[in-house]
Amino acid sequence: MTIYDTHWGIESFHRAIKQVCRICGFMVRDSQALKTRIFGSLQAFVRLEKMRCENRISNWYELQRNLFTLFVRDYIVEILPMLVLLNTHK
């Protein structure tokens, strides 16, 4: 393994823990709350990596993308009938 490969692995970890596990997405100043947030983000990353190693997901972003797609689908399924109903009353 080259130095570049090692460096790329570290960069990929940092990107995933920031973007997928939201390690930076909090506004607290209490040290215990910070520790809890960091621990939760690391735990989420380990679970994602375990799922990837077990071939349950192909990459760290897949689960996040699928959750968003399901959310949008559910929203459309709930809202579409109401929009149709509103348009028929014009």
C-alpha atoms as a PDB file:
ATOM      1  CA  MET A   1       0.000   0.000   0.000  1.00  0.00           C
ATOM      2  CA  THR A   2       1.420   3.375  -0.991  1.00  0.00           C
ATOM      3  CA  ILE A   3       1.418   6.557   1.048  1.00  0.00           C
ATOM      4  CA  TYR A   4      -1.155   7.979  -1.355  1.00  0.00           C
ATOM      5  CA  ASP A   5      -3.521   5.042  -0.712  1.00  0.00           C
ATOM      6  CA  THR A   6      -3.192   5.528   3.034  1.00  0.00           C
ATOM      7  CA  HIS A   7      -3.753   9.264   2.693  1.00  0.00           C
ATOM      8  CA  TRP A   8      -6.807   8.703   0.478  1.00  0.00           C
ATOM      9  CA  GLY A   9      -8.289   6.302   3.033  1.00  0.00           C
ATOM     10  CA  ILE A  10      -7.916   8.917   5.774  1.00  0.00           C
ATOM     11  CA  GLU A  11      -9.464  11.623   3.578  1.00  0.00           C
ATOM     12  CA  SER A  12     -12.382   9.336   2.697  1.00  0.00           C
ATOM     13  CA  PHE A  13     -12.977   8.608   6.391  1.00  0.00           C
ATOM     14  CA  HIS A  14     -12.970  12.325   7.228  1.00  0.00           C
ATOM     15  CA  ARG A  15     -15.389  13.123   4.408  1.00  0.00           C
ATOM     16  CA  ALA A  16     -17.765  10.314   5.410  1.00  0.00           C
ATOM     17  CA  ILE A  17     -17.759  11.119   9.108  1.00  0.00           C
ATOM     18  CA  LYS A  18     -18.507  14.768   8.312  1.00  0.00           C
ATOM     19  CA  GLN A  19     -21.076  14.311   5.532  1.00  0.00           C
ATOM     20  CA  VAL A  20     -22.827  11.070   6.426  1.00  0.00           C
ATOM     21  CA  CYS A  21     -22.400  10.843  10.197  1.00  0.00           C
ATOM     22  CA  ARG A  22     -22.706  14.615  10.738  1.00  0.00           C
ATOM     23  CA  ILE A  23     -19.895  14.864  13.284  1.00  0.00           C
ATOM     24  CA  CYS A  24     -19.743  18.661  12.720  1.00  0.00           C
ATOM     25  CA  GLY A  25     -23.491  19.261  12.563  1.00  0.00           C
ATOM     26  CA  PHE A  26     -24.113  20.411  16.109  1.00  0.00           C
ATOM     27  CA  MET A  27     -24.155  23.635  18.135  1.00  0.00           C
ATOM     28  CA  VAL A  28     -23.255  22.790  21.710  1.00  0.00           C
ATOM     29  CA  ARG A  29     -20.555  24.009  24.026  1.00  0.00           C
ATOM     30  CA  ASP A  30     -20.915  21.574  26.893  1.00  0.00           C
ATOM     31  CA  SER A  31     -17.990  19.125  26.937  1.00  0.00           C
ATOM     32  CA  GLN A  32     -20.208  16.137  27.760  1.00  0.00           C
ATOM     33  CA  ALA A  33     -22.544  16.948  24.864  1.00  0.00           C
ATOM     34  CA  LEU A  34     -19.536  17.226  22.535  1.00  0.00           C
ATOM     35  CA  LYS A  35     -18.202  13.869  23.693  1.00  0.00           C
ATOM     36  CA  THR A  36     -21.626  12.289  23.207  1.00  0.00           C
ATOM     37  CA  ARG A  37     -21.902  13.719  19.682  1.00  0.00           C
ATOM     38  CA  ILE A  38     -18.425  12.540  18.712  1.00  0.00           C
ATOM     39  CA  PHE A  39     -19.056   9.071  20.156  1.00  0.00           C
ATOM     40  CA  GLY A  40     -22.398   8.798  18.345  1.00  0.00           C
ATOM     41  CA  SER A  41     -20.864   9.850  15.030  1.00  0.00           C
ATOM     42  CA  LEU A  42     -17.999   7.376  15.383  1.00  0.00           C
ATOM     43  CA  GLN A  43     -20.436   4.629  16.328  1.00  0.00           C
ATOM     44  CA  ALA A  44     -22.565   5.441  13.258  1.00  0.00           C
ATOM     45  CA  PHE A  45     -19.486   5.269  11.030  1.00  0.00           C
ATOM     46  CA  VAL A  46     -18.449   1.895  12.463  1.00  0.00           C
ATOM     47  CA  ARG A  47     -21.946   0.538  11.808  1.00  0.00           C
ATOM     48  CA  LEU A  48     -21.890   1.848   8.232  1.00  0.00           C
ATOM     49  CA  GLU A  49     -18.460   0.322   7.652  1.00  0.00           C
ATOM     50  CA  LYS A  50     -19.668  -2.992   9.067  1.00  0.00           C
ATOM     51  CA  MET A  51     -22.658  -2.932   6.701  1.00  0.00           C
ATOM     52  CA  ARG A  52     -20.320  -2.158   3.793  1.00  0.00           C
ATOM     53  CA  CYS A  53     -17.988  -5.026   4.739  1.00  0.00           C
ATOM     54  CA  GLU A  54     -20.963  -7.398   4.937  1.00  0.00           C
ATOM     55  CA  ASN A  55     -22.049  -6.218   1.447  1.00  0.00           C
ATOM     56  CA  ARG A  56     -25.363  -4.936   2.805  1.00  0.00           C
ATOM     57  CA  ILE A  57     -24.540  -1.536   1.276  1.00  0.00           C
ATOM     58  CA  SER A  58     -22.095  -0.726  -1.500  1.00  0.00           C
ATOM     59  CA  ASN A  59     -20.807   2.538   0.009  1.00  0.00           C
ATOM     60  CA  TRP A  60     -21.313   4.832   2.985  1.00  0.00           C
ATOM     61  CA  TYR A  61     -23.599   7.182   1.070  1.00  0.00           C
ATOM     62  CA  GLU A  62     -26.038   4.535  -0.167  1.00  0.00           C
ATOM     63  CA  LEU A  63     -28.038   4.291   3.044  1.00  0.00           C
ATOM     64  CA  GLN A  64     -28.362   8.073   3.299  1.00  0.00           C
ATOM     65  CA  ARG A  65     -29.442   8.343  -0.353  1.00  0.00           C
ATOM     66  CA  ASN A  66     -32.005   5.540   0.048  1.00  0.00           C
ATOM     67  CA  LEU A  67     -33.471   7.130   3.177  1.00  0.00           C
ATOM     68  CA  PHE A  68     -33.856  10.441   1.352  1.00  0.00           C
ATOM     69  CA  THR A  69     -35.492   8.733  -1.641  1.00  0.00           C
ATOM     70  CA  LEU A  70     -37.956   6.924   0.633  1.00  0.00           C
ATOM     71  CA  PHE A  71     -38.751  10.161   2.448  1.00  0.00           C
ATOM     72  CA  VAL A  72     -39.440  12.000  -0.822  1.00  0.00           C
ATOM     73  CA  ARG A  73     -41.551   9.100  -2.116  1.00  0.00           C
ATOM     74  CA  ASP A  74     -43.643   9.027   1.068  1.00  0.00           C
ATOM     75  CA  TYR A  75     -44.099  12.800   0.933  1.00  0.00           C
ATOM     76  CA  ILE A  76     -45.296  12.653  -2.671  1.00  0.00           C
ATOM     77  CA  VAL A  77     -47.668   9.775  -1.928  1.00  0.00           C
ATOM     78  CA  GLU A  78     -49.200  11.775   0.938  1.00  0.00           C
ATOM     79  CA  ILE A  79     -49.368  15.163  -0.801  1.00  0.00           C
ATOM     80  CA  LEU A  80     -50.376  14.149  -4.345  1.00  0.00           C
ATOM     81  CA  PRO A  81     -53.931  13.072  -3.443  1.00  0.00           C
ATOM     82  CA  MET A  82     -54.462  16.384  -1.613  1.00  0.00           C
ATOM     83  CA  LEU A  83     -53.216  18.373  -4.617  1.00  0.00           C
ATOM     84  CA  VAL A  84     -55.505  16.464  -6.968  1.00  0.00           C
ATOM     85  CA  LEU A  85     -58.407  17.092  -4.611  1.00  0.00           C
ATOM     86  CA  LEU A  86     -57.620  20.834  -4.460  1.00  0.00           C
ATOM     87  CA  ASN A  87     -57.400  21.069  -8.243  1.00  0.00           C
ATOM     88  CA  THR A  88     -60.796  19.403  -8.743  1.00  0.00           C
ATOM     89  CA  HIS A  89     -62.513  22.055  -6.594  1.00  0.00           C
ATOM     90  CA  LYS A  90     -61.544  24.983  -8.854  1.00  0.00           C
END
